[in-house]
All heavy atoms as atom14 arrays in JSON, in Angstrom:
{
  "sequence": "HTSVALRDAIASIELPTIEVHLTDIHKREDFRRVSITKGVCVAQFI",
  "atom14_mask": [
    [1, 1, 1, 1, 1, 1, 1, 1, 1, 1, 0, 0, 0, 0],
    [1, 1, 1, 1, 1, 1, 1, 0, 0, 0, 0, 0, 0, 0],
    [1, 1, 1, 1, 1, 1, 0, 0, 0, 0, 0, 0, 0, 0],
    [1, 1, 1, 1, 1, 1, 1, 0, 0, 0, 0, 0, 0, 0],
    [1, 1, 1, 1, 1, 0, 0, 0, 0, 0, 0, 0, 0, 0],
    [1, 1, 1, 1, 1, 1, 1, 1, 0, 0, 0, 0, 0, 0],
    [1, 1, 1, 1, 1, 1, 1, 1, 1, 1, 1, 0, 0, 0],
    [1, 1, 1, 1, 1, 1, 1, 1, 0, 0, 0, 0, 0, 0],
    [1, 1, 1, 1, 1, 0, 0, 0, 0, 0, 0, 0, 0, 0],
    [1, 1, 1, 1, 1, 1, 1, 1, 0, 0, 0, 0, 0, 0],
    [1, 1, 1, 1, 1, 0, 0, 0, 0, 0, 0, 0, 0, 0],
    [1, 1, 1, 1, 1, 1, 0, 0, 0, 0, 0, 0, 0, 0],
    [1, 1, 1, 1, 1, 1, 1, 1, 0, 0, 0, 0, 0, 0],
    [1, 1, 1, 1, 1, 1, 1, 1, 1, 0, 0, 0, 0, 0],
    [1, 1, 1, 1, 1, 1, 1, 1, 0, 0, 0, 0, 0, 0],
    [1, 1, 1, 1, 1, 1, 1, 0, 0, 0, 0, 0, 0, 0],
    [1, 1, 1, 1, 1, 1, 1, 0, 0, 0, 0, 0, 0, 0],
    [1, 1, 1, 1, 1, 1, 1, 1, 0, 0, 0, 0, 0, 0],
    [1, 1, 1, 1, 1, 1, 1, 1, 1, 0, 0, 0, 0, 0],
    [1, 1, 1, 1, 1, 1, 1, 0, 0, 0, 0, 0, 0, 0],
    [1, 1, 1, 1, 1, 1, 1, 1, 1, 1, 0, 0, 0, 0],
    [1, 1, 1, 1, 1, 1, 1, 1, 0, 0, 0, 0, 0, 0],
    [1, 1, 1, 1, 1, 1, 1, 0, 0, 0, 0, 0, 0, 0],
    [1, 1, 1, 1, 1, 1, 1, 1, 0, 0, 0, 0, 0, 0],
    [1, 1, 1, 1, 1, 1, 1, 1, 0, 0, 0, 0, 0, 0],
    [1, 1, 1, 1, 1, 1, 1, 1, 1, 1, 0, 0, 0, 0],
    [1, 1, 1, 1, 1, 1, 1, 1, 1, 0, 0, 0, 0, 0],
    [1, 1, 1, 1, 1, 1, 1, 1, 1, 1, 1, 0, 0, 0],
    [1, 1, 1, 1, 1, 1, 1, 1, 1, 0, 0, 0, 0, 0],
    [1, 1, 1, 1, 1, 1, 1, 1, 0, 0, 0, 0, 0, 0],
    [1, 1, 1, 1, 1, 1, 1, 1, 1, 1, 1, 0, 0, 0],
    [1, 1, 1, 1, 1, 1, 1, 1, 1, 1, 1, 0, 0, 0],
    [1, 1, 1, 1, 1, 1, 1, 1, 1, 1, 1, 0, 0, 0],
    [1, 1, 1, 1, 1, 1, 1, 0, 0, 0, 0, 0, 0, 0],
    [1, 1, 1, 1, 1, 1, 0, 0, 0, 0, 0, 0, 0, 0],
    [1, 1, 1, 1, 1, 1, 1, 1, 0, 0, 0, 0, 0, 0],
    [1, 1, 1, 1, 1, 1, 1, 0, 0, 0, 0, 0, 0, 0],
    [1, 1, 1, 1, 1, 1, 1, 1, 1, 0, 0, 0, 0, 0],
    [1, 1, 1, 1, 0, 0, 0, 0, 0, 0, 0, 0, 0, 0],
    [1, 1, 1, 1, 1, 1, 1, 0, 0, 0, 0, 0, 0, 0],
    [1, 1, 1, 1, 1, 1, 0, 0, 0, 0, 0, 0, 0, 0],
    [1, 1, 1, 1, 1, 1, 1, 0, 0, 0, 0, 0, 0, 0],
    [1, 1, 1, 1, 1, 0, 0, 0, 0, 0, 0, 0, 0, 0],
    [1, 1, 1, 1, 1, 1, 1, 1, 1, 0, 0, 0, 0, 0],
    [1, 1, 1, 1, 1, 1, 1, 1, 1, 1, 1, 0, 0, 0],
    [1, 1, 1, 1, 1, 1, 1, 1, 0, 0, 0, 0, 0, 0]
  ],
  "atom14_positions": [
    [[98.54, 108.22, 80.41], [98.73, 109.28, 79.48], [98.23, 109.04, 78.04], [98.12, 109.87, 77.23], [100.25, 109.71, 79.45], [100.88, 109.62, 80.78], [100.59, 110.58, 81.71], [101.86, 108.85, 81.29], [101.35, 110.27, 82.85], [102.02, 109.24, 82.53], [0.0, 0.0, 0.0], [0.0, 0.0, 0.0], [0.0, 0.0, 0.0], [0.0, 0.0, 0.0]],
    [[97.94, 107.73, 77.84], [97.64, 107.3, 76.46], [96.37, 106.6, 76.21], [95.86, 106.44, 75.16], [98.71, 106.39, 76.01], [98.8, 105.15, 76.77], [100.1, 107.12, 75.95], [0.0, 0.0, 0.0], [0.0, 0.0, 0.0], [0.0, 0.0, 0.0], [0.0, 0.0, 0.0], [0.0, 0.0, 0.0], [0.0, 0.0, 0.0], [0.0, 0.0, 0.0]],
    [[95.69, 105.97, 77.34], [94.68, 105.01, 77.19], [93.26, 105.55, 77.45], [92.83, 105.59, 78.56], [94.92, 103.77, 77.95], [93.86, 102.88, 77.71], [0.0, 0.0, 0.0], [0.0, 0.0, 0.0], [0.0, 0.0, 0.0], [0.0, 0.0, 0.0], [0.0, 0.0, 0.0], [0.0, 0.0, 0.0], [0.0, 0.0, 0.0], [0.0, 0.0, 0.0]],
    [[92.58, 105.96, 76.43], [91.2, 106.29, 76.54], [90.42, 105.08, 76.84], [89.44, 105.07, 77.65], [90.6, 106.98, 75.26], [89.1, 107.22, 75.24], [91.44, 108.37, 74.97], [0.0, 0.0, 0.0], [0.0, 0.0, 0.0], [0.0, 0.0, 0.0], [0.0, 0.0, 0.0], [0.0, 0.0, 0.0], [0.0, 0.0, 0.0], [0.0, 0.0, 0.0]],
    [[90.84, 103.94, 76.32], [90.11, 102.69, 76.61], [90.22, 102.24, 78.12], [89.19, 101.83, 78.63], [90.71, 101.57, 75.81], [0.0, 0.0, 0.0], [0.0, 0.0, 0.0], [0.0, 0.0, 0.0], [0.0, 0.0, 0.0], [0.0, 0.0, 0.0], [0.0, 0.0, 0.0], [0.0, 0.0, 0.0], [0.0, 0.0, 0.0], [0.0, 0.0, 0.0]],
    [[91.35, 102.5, 78.69], [91.35, 102.32, 80.21], [90.63, 103.24, 81.01], [89.83, 102.94, 81.88], [92.86, 102.22, 80.55], [93.04, 102.05, 82.12], [92.49, 100.69, 82.54], [94.52, 102.09, 82.42], [0.0, 0.0, 0.0], [0.0, 0.0, 0.0], [0.0, 0.0, 0.0], [0.0, 0.0, 0.0], [0.0, 0.0, 0.0], [0.0, 0.0, 0.0]],
    [[90.6, 104.48, 80.58], [89.81, 105.48, 81.17], [88.31, 105.12, 81.17], [87.55, 105.09, 82.1], [89.99, 106.82, 80.55], [89.19, 107.96, 81.06], [88.44, 108.76, 80.0], [87.69, 109.79, 80.64], [86.38, 109.56, 80.98], [85.73, 108.49, 80.66], [85.65, 110.53, 81.46], [0.0, 0.0, 0.0], [0.0, 0.0, 0.0], [0.0, 0.0, 0.0]],
    [[87.87, 104.67, 79.94], [86.53, 104.27, 79.76], [86.07, 103.01, 80.53], [84.97, 102.95, 81.06], [86.17, 104.06, 78.29], [86.17, 105.38, 77.47], [86.25, 106.51, 78.11], [86.21, 105.3, 76.21], [0.0, 0.0, 0.0], [0.0, 0.0, 0.0], [0.0, 0.0, 0.0], [0.0, 0.0, 0.0], [0.0, 0.0, 0.0], [0.0, 0.0, 0.0]],
    [[87.08, 102.11, 80.66], [86.76, 100.93, 81.5], [86.6, 101.24, 82.97], [85.73, 100.73, 83.54], [87.96, 99.9, 81.35], [0.0, 0.0, 0.0], [0.0, 0.0, 0.0], [0.0, 0.0, 0.0], [0.0, 0.0, 0.0], [0.0, 0.0, 0.0], [0.0, 0.0, 0.0], [0.0, 0.0, 0.0], [0.0, 0.0, 0.0], [0.0, 0.0, 0.0]],
    [[87.46, 102.14, 83.47], [87.3, 102.52, 84.86], [85.9, 103.27, 85.06], [85.21, 102.94, 86.03], [88.49, 103.46, 85.25], [89.76, 102.69, 85.35], [88.2, 104.16, 86.71], [91.05, 103.6, 85.38], [0.0, 0.0, 0.0], [0.0, 0.0, 0.0], [0.0, 0.0, 0.0], [0.0, 0.0, 0.0], [0.0, 0.0, 0.0], [0.0, 0.0, 0.0]],
    [[85.56, 104.1, 84.19], [84.19, 104.83, 84.21], [83.13, 103.87, 84.11], [82.16, 103.96, 84.94], [84.21, 105.81, 83.23], [0.0, 0.0, 0.0], [0.0, 0.0, 0.0], [0.0, 0.0, 0.0], [0.0, 0.0, 0.0], [0.0, 0.0, 0.0], [0.0, 0.0, 0.0], [0.0, 0.0, 0.0], [0.0, 0.0, 0.0], [0.0, 0.0, 0.0]],
    [[83.25, 102.88, 83.27], [82.04, 101.99, 83.05], [81.79, 100.95, 84.19], [80.67, 100.54, 84.37], [82.36, 101.18, 81.72], [83.3, 100.22, 81.97], [0.0, 0.0, 0.0], [0.0, 0.0, 0.0], [0.0, 0.0, 0.0], [0.0, 0.0, 0.0], [0.0, 0.0, 0.0], [0.0, 0.0, 0.0], [0.0, 0.0, 0.0], [0.0, 0.0, 0.0]],
    [[82.81, 100.57, 84.98], [82.56, 99.61, 86.05], [82.0, 100.33, 87.4], [81.6, 99.62, 88.23], [83.74, 98.73, 86.4], [84.97, 99.55, 86.71], [84.08, 97.94, 85.07], [86.15, 98.65, 87.11], [0.0, 0.0, 0.0], [0.0, 0.0, 0.0], [0.0, 0.0, 0.0], [0.0, 0.0, 0.0], [0.0, 0.0, 0.0], [0.0, 0.0, 0.0]],
    [[82.17, 101.65, 87.4], [81.57, 102.45, 88.52], [82.05, 101.91, 89.93], [81.22, 101.89, 90.91], [80.09, 102.44, 88.47], [79.61, 103.06, 87.21], [78.05, 103.1, 87.01], [77.31, 102.27, 87.68], [77.57, 103.85, 86.23], [0.0, 0.0, 0.0], [0.0, 0.0, 0.0], [0.0, 0.0, 0.0], [0.0, 0.0, 0.0], [0.0, 0.0, 0.0]],
    [[83.28, 101.62, 90.07], [83.79, 101.36, 91.43], [84.76, 102.54, 91.76], [85.44, 103.05, 90.85], [84.73, 100.05, 91.39], [84.03, 98.7, 91.35], [85.04, 97.63, 91.1], [83.21, 98.45, 92.51], [0.0, 0.0, 0.0], [0.0, 0.0, 0.0], [0.0, 0.0, 0.0], [0.0, 0.0, 0.0], [0.0, 0.0, 0.0], [0.0, 0.0, 0.0]],
    [[84.74, 102.89, 92.99], [85.68, 104.03, 93.3], [87.08, 103.68, 93.08], [87.54, 102.51, 93.41], [85.38, 104.29, 94.83], [84.74, 103.01, 95.35], [84.01, 102.39, 94.17], [0.0, 0.0, 0.0], [0.0, 0.0, 0.0], [0.0, 0.0, 0.0], [0.0, 0.0, 0.0], [0.0, 0.0, 0.0], [0.0, 0.0, 0.0], [0.0, 0.0, 0.0]],
    [[87.83, 104.52, 92.32], [89.14, 104.15, 91.92], [90.03, 105.36, 92.35], [89.75, 106.52, 92.12], [89.07, 104.0, 90.32], [88.26, 102.95, 90.06], [90.51, 103.61, 89.95], [0.0, 0.0, 0.0], [0.0, 0.0, 0.0], [0.0, 0.0, 0.0], [0.0, 0.0, 0.0], [0.0, 0.0, 0.0], [0.0, 0.0, 0.0], [0.0, 0.0, 0.0]],
    [[91.23, 104.99, 92.77], [92.3, 105.96, 93.16], [93.52, 105.63, 92.3], [93.96, 104.39, 92.23], [92.55, 105.95, 94.63], [91.34, 106.53, 95.38], [93.87, 106.8, 94.94], [91.61, 106.69, 96.85], [0.0, 0.0, 0.0], [0.0, 0.0, 0.0], [0.0, 0.0, 0.0], [0.0, 0.0, 0.0], [0.0, 0.0, 0.0], [0.0, 0.0, 0.0]],
    [[93.97, 106.63, 91.67], [95.19, 106.49, 90.83], [96.5, 106.99, 91.56], [96.48, 107.91, 92.36], [95.06, 107.49, 89.63], [96.21, 107.45, 88.68], [95.97, 108.32, 87.49], [94.77, 108.5, 87.07], [97.01, 108.79, 86.96], [0.0, 0.0, 0.0], [0.0, 0.0, 0.0], [0.0, 0.0, 0.0], [0.0, 0.0, 0.0], [0.0, 0.0, 0.0]],
    [[97.52, 106.2, 91.45], [98.89, 106.42, 92.09], [99.91, 106.34, 91.07], [99.79, 105.67, 90.08], [99.02, 105.48, 93.25], [97.99, 105.59, 94.33], [99.29, 104.04, 92.79], [0.0, 0.0, 0.0], [0.0, 0.0, 0.0], [0.0, 0.0, 0.0], [0.0, 0.0, 0.0], [0.0, 0.0, 0.0], [0.0, 0.0, 0.0], [0.0, 0.0, 0.0]],
    [[100.91, 107.17, 91.31], [102.14, 107.13, 90.59], [103.32, 107.41, 91.54], [103.23, 108.2, 92.47], [102.18, 108.27, 89.5], [101.15, 108.05, 88.48], [101.37, 107.31, 87.29], [99.91, 108.63, 88.33], [100.29, 107.31, 86.56], [99.34, 108.09, 87.15], [0.0, 0.0, 0.0], [0.0, 0.0, 0.0], [0.0, 0.0, 0.0], [0.0, 0.0, 0.0]],
    [[104.43, 106.57, 91.32], [105.63, 106.75, 92.24], [106.2, 108.12, 91.94], [106.72, 108.71, 92.92], [106.58, 105.68, 91.8], [106.15, 104.16, 92.13], [107.02, 103.15, 91.43], [106.2, 104.01, 93.66], [0.0, 0.0, 0.0], [0.0, 0.0, 0.0], [0.0, 0.0, 0.0], [0.0, 0.0, 0.0], [0.0, 0.0, 0.0], [0.0, 0.0, 0.0]],
    [[106.15, 108.65, 90.8], [106.91, 109.9, 90.42], [105.81, 111.01, 90.35], [104.68, 110.71, 90.24], [107.69, 109.76, 89.16], [106.79, 109.58, 88.05], [108.78, 108.74, 89.21], [0.0, 0.0, 0.0], [0.0, 0.0, 0.0], [0.0, 0.0, 0.0], [0.0, 0.0, 0.0], [0.0, 0.0, 0.0], [0.0, 0.0, 0.0], [0.0, 0.0, 0.0]],
    [[106.3, 112.22, 90.33], [105.4, 113.42, 90.09], [105.4, 113.62, 88.63], [106.19, 114.12, 88.02], [106.02, 114.53, 90.82], [105.08, 115.76, 90.71], [104.18, 115.82, 89.98], [105.36, 116.73, 91.41], [0.0, 0.0, 0.0], [0.0, 0.0, 0.0], [0.0, 0.0, 0.0], [0.0, 0.0, 0.0], [0.0, 0.0, 0.0], [0.0, 0.0, 0.0]],
    [[104.15, 113.13, 88.1], [104.1, 113.14, 86.59], [104.03, 114.54, 86.15], [104.32, 114.87, 84.92], [102.87, 112.4, 86.16], [101.53, 112.95, 86.79], [102.97, 110.91, 86.45], [100.25, 112.3, 86.2], [0.0, 0.0, 0.0], [0.0, 0.0, 0.0], [0.0, 0.0, 0.0], [0.0, 0.0, 0.0], [0.0, 0.0, 0.0], [0.0, 0.0, 0.0]],
    [[103.74, 115.52, 86.96], [103.62, 116.91, 86.58], [105.0, 117.57, 86.47], [105.06, 118.6, 85.8], [102.78, 117.76, 87.54], [101.43, 117.23, 87.71], [100.46, 117.24, 86.74], [100.82, 116.63, 88.79], [99.41, 116.63, 87.19], [99.47, 116.21, 88.42], [0.0, 0.0, 0.0], [0.0, 0.0, 0.0], [0.0, 0.0, 0.0], [0.0, 0.0, 0.0]],
    [[106.06, 116.86, 86.86], [107.43, 117.38, 86.77], [108.16, 116.49, 85.81], [109.46, 116.66, 85.83], [108.04, 117.36, 88.15], [107.4, 118.47, 89.0], [108.08, 118.47, 90.39], [107.41, 119.46, 91.27], [108.03, 119.42, 92.74], [0.0, 0.0, 0.0], [0.0, 0.0, 0.0], [0.0, 0.0, 0.0], [0.0, 0.0, 0.0], [0.0, 0.0, 0.0]],
    [[107.58, 115.7, 85.08], [108.32, 114.79, 84.11], [108.21, 115.35, 82.71], [107.83, 116.55, 82.55], [107.65, 113.4, 84.18], [107.63, 112.7, 85.57], [108.68, 111.81, 85.96], [109.39, 111.02, 84.85], [109.13, 109.74, 84.68], [108.23, 109.08, 85.37], [109.75, 109.12, 83.71], [0.0, 0.0, 0.0], [0.0, 0.0, 0.0], [0.0, 0.0, 0.0]],
    [[108.48, 114.54, 81.74], [108.41, 114.91, 80.38], [107.0, 115.34, 80.01], [105.97, 114.95, 80.69], [108.64, 113.77, 79.41], [110.05, 113.07, 79.74], [109.98, 111.92, 80.75], [109.05, 111.86, 81.6], [110.96, 111.14, 80.6], [0.0, 0.0, 0.0], [0.0, 0.0, 0.0], [0.0, 0.0, 0.0], [0.0, 0.0, 0.0], [0.0, 0.0, 0.0]],
    [[106.96, 116.28, 79.06], [105.66, 116.91, 78.69], [104.6, 115.85, 78.38], [103.45, 116.07, 78.85], [105.85, 117.79, 77.4], [106.53, 119.07, 77.67], [106.69, 119.45, 78.84], [106.9, 119.73, 76.72], [0.0, 0.0, 0.0], [0.0, 0.0, 0.0], [0.0, 0.0, 0.0], [0.0, 0.0, 0.0], [0.0, 0.0, 0.0], [0.0, 0.0, 0.0]],
    [[104.88, 114.74, 77.79], [103.93, 113.73, 77.39], [103.44, 112.99, 78.63], [102.4, 112.27, 78.48], [104.41, 112.82, 76.4], [105.57, 111.97, 76.77], [105.4, 110.72, 77.43], [106.93, 112.33, 76.6], [106.5, 109.88, 77.83], [108.0, 111.52, 76.98], [107.77, 110.38, 77.58], [0.0, 0.0, 0.0], [0.0, 0.0, 0.0], [0.0, 0.0, 0.0]],
    [[104.0, 113.06, 79.77], [103.64, 112.48, 81.02], [102.78, 113.37, 81.95], [102.26, 112.88, 82.88], [104.78, 111.92, 81.74], [105.52, 110.82, 81.12], [106.56, 110.21, 82.04], [107.63, 109.54, 81.41], [107.56, 108.23, 81.14], [106.5, 107.54, 81.34], [108.65, 107.72, 80.47], [0.0, 0.0, 0.0], [0.0, 0.0, 0.0], [0.0, 0.0, 0.0]],
    [[102.68, 114.54, 81.59], [102.0, 115.52, 82.51], [100.45, 115.5, 82.59], [99.96, 115.93, 83.56], [102.46, 116.95, 82.17], [104.06, 117.09, 82.5], [104.5, 118.45, 82.32], [105.99, 118.4, 82.6], [106.73, 119.39, 82.24], [106.38, 120.42, 81.73], [108.03, 119.27, 82.63], [0.0, 0.0, 0.0], [0.0, 0.0, 0.0], [0.0, 0.0, 0.0]],
    [[99.87, 114.92, 81.57], [98.45, 114.8, 81.53], [98.02, 113.33, 81.82], [98.39, 112.43, 81.14], [97.73, 115.3, 80.24], [96.3, 115.17, 80.16], [98.15, 116.81, 80.11], [0.0, 0.0, 0.0], [0.0, 0.0, 0.0], [0.0, 0.0, 0.0], [0.0, 0.0, 0.0], [0.0, 0.0, 0.0], [0.0, 0.0, 0.0], [0.0, 0.0, 0.0]],
    [[97.13, 113.21, 82.82], [96.58, 111.78, 83.02], [95.16, 111.83, 82.45], [94.26, 112.55, 83.01], [96.59, 111.48, 84.52], [95.93, 110.28, 84.73], [0.0, 0.0, 0.0], [0.0, 0.0, 0.0], [0.0, 0.0, 0.0], [0.0, 0.0, 0.0], [0.0, 0.0, 0.0], [0.0, 0.0, 0.0], [0.0, 0.0, 0.0], [0.0, 0.0, 0.0]],
    [[94.98, 110.95, 81.51], [93.55, 110.8, 80.95], [92.72, 110.16, 81.96], [91.55, 110.38, 82.02], [93.64, 109.93, 79.67], [94.44, 110.65, 78.56], [92.34, 109.46, 79.2], [94.87, 109.79, 77.38], [0.0, 0.0, 0.0], [0.0, 0.0, 0.0], [0.0, 0.0, 0.0], [0.0, 0.0, 0.0], [0.0, 0.0, 0.0], [0.0, 0.0, 0.0]],
    [[93.28, 109.19, 82.79], [92.54, 108.41, 83.75], [92.09, 109.12, 84.96], [91.25, 108.79, 85.72], [93.26, 107.13, 84.13], [94.55, 107.5, 84.55], [93.35, 106.18, 82.95], [0.0, 0.0, 0.0], [0.0, 0.0, 0.0], [0.0, 0.0, 0.0], [0.0, 0.0, 0.0], [0.0, 0.0, 0.0], [0.0, 0.0, 0.0], [0.0, 0.0, 0.0]],
    [[92.85, 110.2, 85.31], [92.53, 110.99, 86.57], [91.05, 111.37, 86.73], [90.5, 111.31, 87.72], [93.43, 112.24, 86.69], [93.19, 112.97, 87.9], [94.05, 114.24, 87.91], [93.79, 115.04, 89.09], [94.52, 116.25, 89.1], [0.0, 0.0, 0.0], [0.0, 0.0, 0.0], [0.0, 0.0, 0.0], [0.0, 0.0, 0.0], [0.0, 0.0, 0.0]],
    [[90.47, 111.79, 85.61], [89.09, 112.4, 85.63], [88.07, 111.44, 86.09], [86.93, 111.82, 86.43], [0.0, 0.0, 0.0], [0.0, 0.0, 0.0], [0.0, 0.0, 0.0], [0.0, 0.0, 0.0], [0.0, 0.0, 0.0], [0.0, 0.0, 0.0], [0.0, 0.0, 0.0], [0.0, 0.0, 0.0], [0.0, 0.0, 0.0], [0.0, 0.0, 0.0]],
    [[88.27, 110.08, 86.07], [87.3, 109.16, 86.43], [87.71, 108.45, 87.78], [87.18, 107.39, 88.1], [87.06, 107.98, 85.34], [86.36, 108.68, 84.2], [88.44, 107.32, 84.9], [0.0, 0.0, 0.0], [0.0, 0.0, 0.0], [0.0, 0.0, 0.0], [0.0, 0.0, 0.0], [0.0, 0.0, 0.0], [0.0, 0.0, 0.0], [0.0, 0.0, 0.0]],
    [[88.69, 108.97, 88.47], [89.14, 108.47, 89.74], [88.71, 109.49, 90.8], [88.63, 110.71, 90.63], [90.63, 108.4, 89.69], [91.35, 107.13, 88.62], [0.0, 0.0, 0.0], [0.0, 0.0, 0.0], [0.0, 0.0, 0.0], [0.0, 0.0, 0.0], [0.0, 0.0, 0.0], [0.0, 0.0, 0.0], [0.0, 0.0, 0.0], [0.0, 0.0, 0.0]],
    [[88.49, 109.06, 91.96], [88.06, 109.74, 93.11], [89.23, 110.59, 93.71], [89.07, 111.67, 94.32], [87.27, 109.04, 94.27], [86.07, 108.45, 93.62], [88.21, 107.92, 94.85], [0.0, 0.0, 0.0], [0.0, 0.0, 0.0], [0.0, 0.0, 0.0], [0.0, 0.0, 0.0], [0.0, 0.0, 0.0], [0.0, 0.0, 0.0], [0.0, 0.0, 0.0]],
    [[90.47, 110.13, 93.5], [91.67, 110.87, 93.93], [92.86, 110.4, 93.22], [92.84, 109.32, 92.56], [91.87, 110.66, 95.45], [0.0, 0.0, 0.0], [0.0, 0.0, 0.0], [0.0, 0.0, 0.0], [0.0, 0.0, 0.0], [0.0, 0.0, 0.0], [0.0, 0.0, 0.0], [0.0, 0.0, 0.0], [0.0, 0.0, 0.0], [0.0, 0.0, 0.0]],
    [[93.92, 111.14, 93.33], [95.21, 110.83, 92.75], [96.3, 111.09, 93.73], [96.36, 112.16, 94.3], [95.43, 111.58, 91.47], [96.7, 111.27, 90.68], [96.95, 112.19, 89.48], [97.12, 113.37, 89.69], [96.91, 111.68, 88.29], [0.0, 0.0, 0.0], [0.0, 0.0, 0.0], [0.0, 0.0, 0.0], [0.0, 0.0, 0.0], [0.0, 0.0, 0.0]],
    [[97.34, 110.28, 93.89], [98.42, 110.41, 94.71], [99.7, 110.19, 93.87], [99.84, 109.16, 93.33], [98.45, 109.47, 95.95], [97.26, 109.75, 96.85], [96.08, 109.17, 96.69], [97.44, 110.66, 97.95], [94.93, 109.43, 97.52], [96.38, 110.93, 98.81], [95.17, 110.27, 98.61], [0.0, 0.0, 0.0], [0.0, 0.0, 0.0], [0.0, 0.0, 0.0]],
    [[100.6, 111.21, 93.84], [101.75, 111.08, 93.01], [103.01, 111.67, 93.72], [102.91, 112.48, 94.66], [101.49, 111.85, 91.65], [101.29, 113.39, 91.94], [100.26, 111.36, 90.86], [101.32, 114.24, 90.7], [0.0, 0.0, 0.0], [0.0, 0.0, 0.0], [0.0, 0.0, 0.0], [0.0, 0.0, 0.0], [0.0, 0.0, 0.0], [0.0, 0.0, 0.0]]
  ]
}
C-alpha cells in the first residue's frame, strides 16, 4: 500500500510475480484497499 520503490523493483527485474495477502485487503481499512504492487504482478490472491 505504500512502496513505490518495491513496485519499481518488481517491475525492473522482469520475473513473473504473484502477490498474496492473508486477509481481504479490499474489506480492510481504507488505506489498505489499494495495492501499488498489484499492477506489476501477474496475479493476486487475497
